Amino acid sequence: MATETRLGWQQLFLILTVLPCCRTLEVSIPQQQYKVSKGEDITLTCSFITTRPDFSLLVIRWSSYFQDNPDEPMQRIATFYTDNLVDIVPEYENRVRLEVDVDKCISTLHLTKVTMQESRSFHCSVLIPTDDEGITSATTSLLVLEPPSRPLCTIQGKAEYGQDITLTCKSEEGSPKPSYEWNSYSVQNMPRPFPPKTTEVNGSLSLFNISQETSGFFVCTSTNEVASTSCNLTLAVVPASMNIGSTAGIIGGVLAGLLCLVLLIFCCCRKKDQKEQNAEGSPEDMDFHDKDAPEAGEQYRDYTSEAKPQVYQDKAVSHNSYSDLHNHHGGSCDRLVYNQYLN
């Protein structure tokens, strides 16, 4: 019994003497993730335990990086040096405050009016030259919360009988990334299940072999832990012949044909009127010809100038003869003279 008691005390003595010699620097952050709404303030805390409480030099540095992009270099935010000297990078001068309690071995980083750019990982490292082994840094993540923006709902494909279409829904903003859910309503605005073979992935609702029964209302809801919002679509499935574009093309073709027909009729009527006018002619355009004009190649003779003297001469002679006969022979000669005059 005495031997066993002696061994127990030896083991306890060994543990108590060796353990302090194996103790090293240990840096930690109490939370693996912090959450804050966009535009609000947040405080990150980093604590450390050292085996050299009498250190003469202490350096604490806060940095950040995007966890989704490991190739991006770490961005320095603020650094604390011994004698309460703090260095803050220009990008954060007006929004960051770094405090360090050396006695309690606690470093506090205050961020004000956080933006979506601060939704990343934050790294706290502690440097003590005489205690540089162990866990010298710790990391936490900051999630900046933002409600989703109103999603945009669109239709990809033709809403015609027998076609396959996809309804899409996406919010441009929102942190964390929103999830999407589609719901369908009939033309009478009654909830209904999706048609067979319908698939829904990341806000995309695929409908196959659509028909008139597929017509109705579709509502997409975008949700994250901050808020939710929605958009809706009215789906009207029509036969291919009733496609708006085709119908517009047919109407346009008919109108163009009618216009051409009207122009053709107008041109024909106008041409007919012109022909009739040319056939009738106008007094200004008519040519007058002497019926006694000479034939082509025949010398022109003025019968009028030749006839007049002869006529006037005959008349004068006949008139004198008539007077003489009348005077000498009386009325018995009137008929004879008159006949001769007429001849």
Protein backbone atom coordinates (compact mmCIF):
# COMPACT_ATOMS: atom_id res chain seq x y z
CA MET A 1 0.00 0.00 0.00
CA ALA A 2 2.79 2.44 0.82
CA THR A 3 4.48 1.68 -2.49
CA GLU A 4 1.30 2.45 -4.45
CA THR A 5 0.82 5.72 -2.59
CA ARG A 6 4.37 6.75 -3.37
CA LEU A 7 3.86 6.09 -7.11
CA GLY A 8 0.68 8.15 -7.13
CA TRP A 9 2.37 11.15 -5.63
CA GLN A 10 5.23 10.84 -8.10
CA GLN A 11 2.88 10.87 -11.08
CA LEU A 12 1.02 13.88 -9.73
CA PHE A 13 4.30 15.71 -9.15
CA LEU A 14 5.43 14.89 -12.68
CA ILE A 15 2.22 16.27 -14.20
CA LEU A 16 2.33 19.46 -12.18
CA THR A 17 5.94 20.13 -13.09
CA VAL A 18 5.88 19.16 -16.79
CA LEU A 19 2.52 20.69 -17.83
CA PRO A 20 3.52 24.34 -17.35
CA CYS A 21 6.61 23.72 -19.43
CA CYS A 22 4.49 22.40 -22.35
CA ARG A 23 1.97 25.26 -22.30
CA THR A 24 2.08 27.58 -25.40
CA LEU A 25 0.34 30.66 -26.83
CA GLU A 26 -3.36 30.15 -27.54
CA VAL A 27 -5.51 32.63 -29.52
CA SER A 28 -9.27 32.21 -29.83
CA ILE A 29 -12.48 33.96 -30.91
CA PRO A 30 -15.60 33.05 -28.94
CA GLN A 31 -17.96 32.81 -31.96
CA GLN A 32 -17.40 31.03 -35.24
CA GLN A 33 -19.82 33.40 -36.99
CA TYR A 34 -21.27 36.83 -36.34
CA LYS A 35 -24.40 38.21 -37.99
CA VAL A 36 -25.36 41.82 -38.46
CA SER A 37 -27.86 43.67 -40.63
CA LYS A 38 -26.57 45.92 -43.34
CA GLY A 39 -25.84 49.42 -42.04
CA GLU A 40 -25.59 48.40 -38.37
CA ASP A 41 -22.57 48.08 -36.02
CA ILE A 42 -20.77 44.93 -34.86
CA THR A 43 -18.02 44.07 -32.35
CA LEU A 44 -15.57 41.19 -32.84
CA THR A 45 -13.56 39.87 -29.88
CA CYS A 46 -10.22 38.05 -29.89
CA SER A 47 -8.57 36.74 -26.68
CA PHE A 48 -5.19 35.12 -26.09
CA ILE A 49 -3.39 33.19 -23.38
CA THR A 50 0.40 33.41 -23.11
CA THR A 51 3.06 31.63 -21.08
CA ARG A 52 5.13 34.82 -20.97
CA PRO A 53 3.06 37.37 -19.08
CA ASP A 54 6.12 39.57 -18.77
CA PHE A 55 6.39 40.10 -22.54
CA SER A 56 7.83 43.42 -23.58
CA LEU A 57 6.55 43.42 -27.17
CA LEU A 58 3.04 42.64 -28.37
CA VAL A 59 1.56 42.91 -31.88
CA ILE A 60 -2.10 42.16 -32.62
CA ARG A 61 -3.33 42.36 -36.20
CA TRP A 62 -6.85 42.11 -37.65
CA SER A 63 -7.27 41.18 -41.31
CA SER A 64 -10.05 39.95 -43.57
CA TYR A 65 -10.48 37.87 -46.70
CA PHE A 66 -13.17 36.24 -48.79
CA GLN A 67 -13.51 32.64 -47.78
CA ASP A 68 -14.93 31.72 -51.21
CA ASN A 69 -11.81 33.07 -52.89
CA PRO A 70 -8.73 31.60 -51.22
CA ASP A 71 -6.42 33.07 -53.85
CA GLU A 72 -7.28 36.60 -52.79
CA PRO A 73 -4.60 38.12 -50.54
CA MET A 74 -5.53 38.90 -46.97
CA GLN A 75 -6.56 42.54 -46.48
CA ARG A 76 -5.14 44.27 -43.42
CA ILE A 77 -7.64 46.29 -41.34
CA ALA A 78 -5.96 47.42 -38.10
CA THR A 79 -2.78 46.67 -36.10
CA PHE A 80 -2.02 47.19 -32.41
CA TYR A 81 1.53 47.71 -31.13
CA THR A 82 2.95 47.98 -27.65
CA ASP A 83 2.38 51.33 -25.88
CA ASN A 84 -1.19 51.52 -27.31
CA LEU A 85 -0.11 52.44 -30.79
CA VAL A 86 -2.86 51.59 -33.33
CA ASP A 87 -2.54 51.67 -37.11
CA ILE A 88 -5.76 51.59 -39.19
CA VAL A 89 -5.73 51.37 -42.97
CA PRO A 90 -7.23 54.39 -44.81
CA GLU A 91 -10.23 52.42 -46.13
CA TYR A 92 -11.45 51.86 -42.55
CA GLU A 93 -10.26 54.98 -40.74
CA ASN A 94 -13.73 56.38 -40.15
CA ARG A 95 -15.50 53.07 -39.52
CA VAL A 96 -13.11 50.95 -37.45
CA ARG A 97 -11.92 51.24 -33.86
CA LEU A 98 -9.42 48.80 -32.29
CA GLU A 99 -9.12 48.40 -28.50
CA VAL A 100 -6.74 46.10 -26.59
CA ASP A 101 -6.75 45.26 -22.88
CA VAL A 102 -3.25 43.91 -22.29
CA ASP A 103 -3.92 42.86 -18.69
CA LYS A 104 -6.96 40.79 -19.71
CA CYS A 105 -5.36 39.71 -23.01
CA ILE A 106 -8.39 40.76 -25.03
CA SER A 107 -8.57 42.60 -28.38
CA THR A 108 -11.83 44.14 -29.61
CA LEU A 109 -12.54 45.28 -33.16
CA HIS A 110 -15.50 47.65 -33.59
CA LEU A 111 -17.06 47.98 -37.07
CA THR A 112 -19.65 50.68 -37.75
CA LYS A 113 -22.16 50.95 -40.61
CA VAL A 114 -21.16 47.66 -42.11
CA THR A 115 -21.64 47.14 -45.84
CA MET A 116 -21.97 44.03 -47.94
CA GLN A 117 -18.20 44.15 -48.49
CA GLU A 118 -17.72 43.23 -44.84
CA SER A 119 -19.56 39.95 -45.32
CA ARG A 120 -16.34 37.91 -45.18
CA SER A 121 -13.91 36.14 -42.84
CA PHE A 122 -11.92 38.03 -40.18
CA HIS A 123 -8.54 36.88 -38.95
CA CYS A 124 -6.93 37.80 -35.59
CA SER A 125 -3.23 37.07 -35.09
CA VAL A 126 -1.09 37.66 -31.97
CA LEU A 127 2.68 38.03 -32.08
CA ILE A 128 4.80 37.75 -28.90
CA PRO A 129 8.50 37.27 -29.75
CA THR A 130 9.19 35.18 -26.63
CA ASP A 131 6.03 33.06 -27.11
CA ASP A 132 5.64 32.22 -30.76
CA GLU A 133 4.53 28.59 -30.59
CA GLY A 134 1.05 27.18 -30.33
CA ILE A 135 -2.15 28.65 -31.75
CA THR A 136 -1.09 32.12 -32.80
CA SER A 137 -4.25 33.14 -34.68
CA ALA A 138 -7.97 32.57 -34.91
CA THR A 139 -10.65 33.16 -37.58
CA THR A 140 -14.34 33.99 -37.57
CA SER A 141 -16.85 34.93 -40.25
CA LEU A 142 -19.15 37.92 -40.48
CA LEU A 143 -22.47 37.56 -42.31
CA VAL A 144 -24.04 40.85 -43.28
CA LEU A 145 -27.78 40.39 -43.57
CA GLU A 146 -29.79 42.00 -46.36
CA PRO A 147 -33.39 41.29 -47.38
CA PRO A 148 -33.86 39.94 -50.89
CA SER A 149 -34.77 42.41 -53.60
CA ARG A 150 -37.98 41.95 -55.51
CA PRO A 151 -37.33 39.02 -57.85
CA LEU A 152 -37.66 39.25 -61.61
CA CYS A 153 -39.96 36.65 -63.16
CA THR A 154 -39.55 35.78 -66.85
CA ILE A 155 -40.78 33.18 -69.35
CA GLN A 156 -38.26 31.39 -71.53
CA GLY A 157 -39.79 29.71 -74.57
CA LYS A 158 -43.04 29.98 -76.53
CA ALA A 159 -46.32 29.67 -74.64
CA GLU A 160 -47.90 27.46 -77.32
CA TYR A 161 -49.55 24.06 -77.25
CA GLY A 162 -47.06 21.21 -76.95
CA GLN A 163 -44.06 23.44 -76.20
CA ASP A 164 -41.61 23.23 -73.24
CA ILE A 165 -41.05 26.45 -71.29
CA THR A 166 -39.14 27.58 -68.21
CA LEU A 167 -40.24 30.18 -65.69
CA THR A 168 -37.28 31.90 -64.02
CA CYS A 169 -37.16 33.83 -60.75
CA LYS A 170 -34.13 35.67 -59.34
CA SER A 171 -33.38 38.40 -56.79
CA GLU A 172 -30.37 40.55 -57.61
CA GLU A 173 -29.76 41.34 -53.92
CA GLY A 174 -30.08 39.43 -50.67
CA SER A 175 -27.80 38.03 -47.97
CA PRO A 176 -27.70 35.21 -47.28
CA LYS A 177 -28.64 34.11 -50.76
CA PRO A 178 -32.41 33.71 -50.96
CA SER A 179 -34.24 30.51 -51.74
CA TYR A 180 -37.08 30.42 -54.25
CA GLU A 181 -40.45 28.69 -54.28
CA TRP A 182 -43.06 28.60 -57.06
CA ASN A 183 -46.82 28.21 -56.60
CA SER A 184 -49.45 27.73 -59.29
CA TYR A 185 -53.06 28.97 -59.49
CA SER A 186 -55.77 28.24 -62.02
CA VAL A 187 -57.55 30.82 -64.15
CA GLN A 188 -60.17 30.93 -61.37
CA ASN A 189 -57.32 31.81 -58.96
CA MET A 190 -57.52 28.47 -57.16
CA PRO A 191 -54.33 26.75 -55.88
CA ARG A 192 -53.39 23.69 -57.92
CA PRO A 193 -50.50 21.22 -58.21
CA PHE A 194 -47.92 21.46 -60.95
CA PRO A 195 -48.40 19.45 -64.15
CA PRO A 196 -46.63 16.07 -64.37
CA LYS A 197 -42.87 16.02 -64.98
CA THR A 198 -42.50 19.62 -63.73
CA THR A 199 -39.07 20.37 -62.22
CA GLU A 200 -38.05 23.22 -59.92
CA VAL A 201 -34.37 24.03 -59.34
CA ASN A 202 -32.87 27.28 -57.95
CA GLY A 203 -35.82 29.42 -58.97
CA SER A 204 -36.27 27.82 -62.42
CA LEU A 205 -39.61 26.08 -62.99
CA SER A 206 -39.63 23.87 -66.09
CA LEU A 207 -42.99 22.94 -67.66
CA PHE A 208 -43.23 20.29 -70.39
CA ASN A 209 -45.76 19.70 -73.17
CA ILE A 210 -47.89 22.62 -72.04
CA SER A 211 -51.58 22.88 -72.95
CA GLN A 212 -54.54 25.15 -72.35
CA GLU A 213 -54.90 23.66 -68.86
CA THR A 214 -51.42 24.99 -68.03
CA SER A 215 -52.69 28.56 -68.36
CA GLY A 216 -53.06 30.43 -65.09
CA PHE A 217 -51.09 32.39 -62.52
CA PHE A 218 -47.62 31.52 -61.23
CA VAL A 219 -46.15 33.15 -58.11
CA CYS A 220 -42.49 32.98 -57.07
CA THR A 221 -41.44 33.82 -53.51
CA SER A 222 -37.85 34.80 -52.70
CA THR A 223 -36.95 34.25 -49.03
CA ASN A 224 -33.98 34.52 -46.68
CA GLU A 225 -33.73 34.82 -42.91
CA VAL A 226 -34.28 38.58 -43.08
CA ALA A 227 -37.44 38.89 -45.20
CA SER A 228 -39.33 37.58 -48.21
CA THR A 229 -40.76 39.07 -51.39
CA SER A 230 -42.44 37.74 -54.52
CA CYS A 231 -43.25 38.25 -58.19
CA ASN A 232 -45.96 36.72 -60.36
CA LEU A 233 -46.61 35.74 -63.96
CA THR A 234 -49.77 35.29 -66.01
CA LEU A 235 -49.33 32.38 -68.41
CA ALA A 236 -51.70 32.18 -71.40
CA VAL A 237 -51.08 29.10 -73.55
CA VAL A 238 -52.47 29.46 -77.10
CA PRO A 239 -52.36 27.43 -80.33
CA ALA A 240 -49.41 28.07 -82.60
CA SER A 241 -51.67 29.74 -85.21
CA MET A 242 -52.80 32.30 -82.64
CA ASN A 243 -49.32 33.42 -81.87
CA ILE A 244 -49.29 37.18 -81.64
CA GLY A 245 -46.34 37.54 -83.97
CA SER A 246 -47.88 35.28 -86.62
CA THR A 247 -51.25 37.00 -86.36
CA ALA A 248 -49.63 40.40 -86.73
CA GLY A 249 -47.74 39.16 -89.79
CA ILE A 250 -50.94 37.86 -91.41
CA ILE A 251 -52.81 41.09 -90.74
CA GLY A 252 -49.91 43.10 -92.12
CA GLY A 253 -49.82 40.98 -95.28
CA VAL A 254 -53.57 41.36 -95.85
CA LEU A 255 -53.40 45.12 -95.40
CA ALA A 256 -50.47 45.36 -97.80
CA GLY A 257 -52.40 43.33 -100.39
CA LEU A 258 -55.46 45.55 -100.06
CA LEU A 259 -53.34 48.64 -100.46
CA CYS A 260 -51.76 47.29 -103.64
CA LEU A 261 -55.22 46.39 -105.01
CA VAL A 262 -56.56 49.89 -104.32
CA LEU A 263 -53.57 51.47 -106.03
CA LEU A 264 -53.99 49.19 -109.05
CA ILE A 265 -57.70 50.08 -109.41
CA PHE A 266 -56.93 53.77 -109.07
CA CYS A 267 -54.25 53.64 -111.77
CA CYS A 268 -56.52 51.73 -114.15
CA CYS A 269 -59.40 54.19 -113.69
CA ARG A 270 -57.14 57.13 -114.22
CA LYS A 271 -55.68 55.64 -117.38
CA LYS A 272 -59.18 54.98 -118.74
CA ASP A 273 -60.23 58.60 -118.10
CA GLN A 274 -57.17 59.87 -119.93
CA LYS A 275 -57.99 57.71 -122.95
CA GLU A 276 -61.55 59.04 -123.10
CA GLN A 277 -60.35 62.63 -122.90
CA ASN A 278 -57.87 62.03 -125.72
CA ALA A 279 -60.60 60.45 -127.87
CA GLU A 280 -63.00 63.39 -127.48
CA GLY A 281 -60.33 66.05 -127.81
CA SER A 282 -60.65 69.75 -126.93
CA PRO A 283 -61.41 72.69 -129.24
CA GLU A 284 -57.97 74.05 -128.76
CA ASP A 285 -56.42 70.76 -129.87
CA MET A 286 -58.67 70.21 -132.98
CA ASP A 287 -57.30 70.82 -136.54
CA PHE A 288 -59.46 72.49 -139.16
CA HIS A 289 -58.96 71.71 -142.88
CA ASP A 290 -60.42 73.18 -146.08
CA LYS A 291 -62.44 70.48 -147.81
CA ASP A 292 -61.31 71.95 -151.14
CA ALA A 293 -57.67 71.80 -150.13
CA PRO A 294 -55.42 70.41 -152.85
CA GLU A 295 -54.20 66.90 -152.75
CA ALA A 296 -50.66 66.17 -151.82
CA GLY A 297 -48.35 67.32 -154.60
CA GLU A 298 -51.05 69.37 -156.36
CA GLN A 299 -50.56 73.10 -156.91
CA TYR A 300 -52.87 75.17 -154.79
CA ARG A 301 -55.35 77.35 -156.62
CA ASP A 302 -57.42 80.04 -155.02
CA TYR A 303 -60.84 79.45 -156.52
CA THR A 304 -62.41 82.01 -154.26
CA SER A 305 -60.43 84.90 -155.68
CA GLU A 306 -61.17 83.78 -159.25
CA ALA A 307 -64.85 83.16 -158.71
CA LYS A 308 -65.79 86.37 -157.01
CA PRO A 309 -65.08 88.74 -159.89
CA GLN A 310 -66.99 86.45 -162.29
CA VAL A 311 -69.96 86.20 -159.97
CA TYR A 312 -70.07 89.92 -159.34
CA GLN A 313 -69.76 90.58 -163.05
CA ASP A 314 -72.51 88.15 -164.01
CA LYS A 315 -74.80 89.53 -161.39
CA ALA A 316 -74.19 93.06 -162.58
CA VAL A 317 -74.86 92.12 -166.16
CA SER A 318 -77.94 90.17 -165.33
CA HIS A 319 -79.25 92.97 -163.23
CA ASN A 320 -78.78 95.55 -166.00
CA SER A 321 -80.23 93.23 -168.55
CA TYR A 322 -83.16 92.59 -166.36
CA SER A 323 -83.77 96.29 -165.88
CA ASP A 324 -83.56 96.96 -169.58
CA LEU A 325 -85.83 94.13 -170.46
CA HIS A 326 -88.21 95.16 -167.83
CA ASN A 327 -88.31 98.64 -169.08
CA HIS A 328 -88.68 97.71 -172.74
CA HIS A 329 -90.74 94.57 -172.57
CA GLY A 330 -92.45 94.82 -169.25
CA GLY A 331 -93.17 92.01 -166.83
CA SER A 332 -93.29 89.33 -169.49
CA CYS A 333 -89.60 89.12 -169.42
CA ASP A 334 -89.32 88.84 -165.63
CA ARG A 335 -89.50 85.09 -165.53
CA LEU A 336 -86.94 84.62 -168.23
CA VAL A 337 -84.49 87.00 -166.68
CA TYR A 338 -84.98 85.47 -163.27
CA ASN A 339 -84.29 82.02 -164.57
CA GLN A 340 -81.20 83.22 -166.37
CA TYR A 341 -80.04 84.89 -163.16
CA LEU A 342 -80.46 81.75 -161.23
CA ASN A 343 -78.64 79.76 -163.86
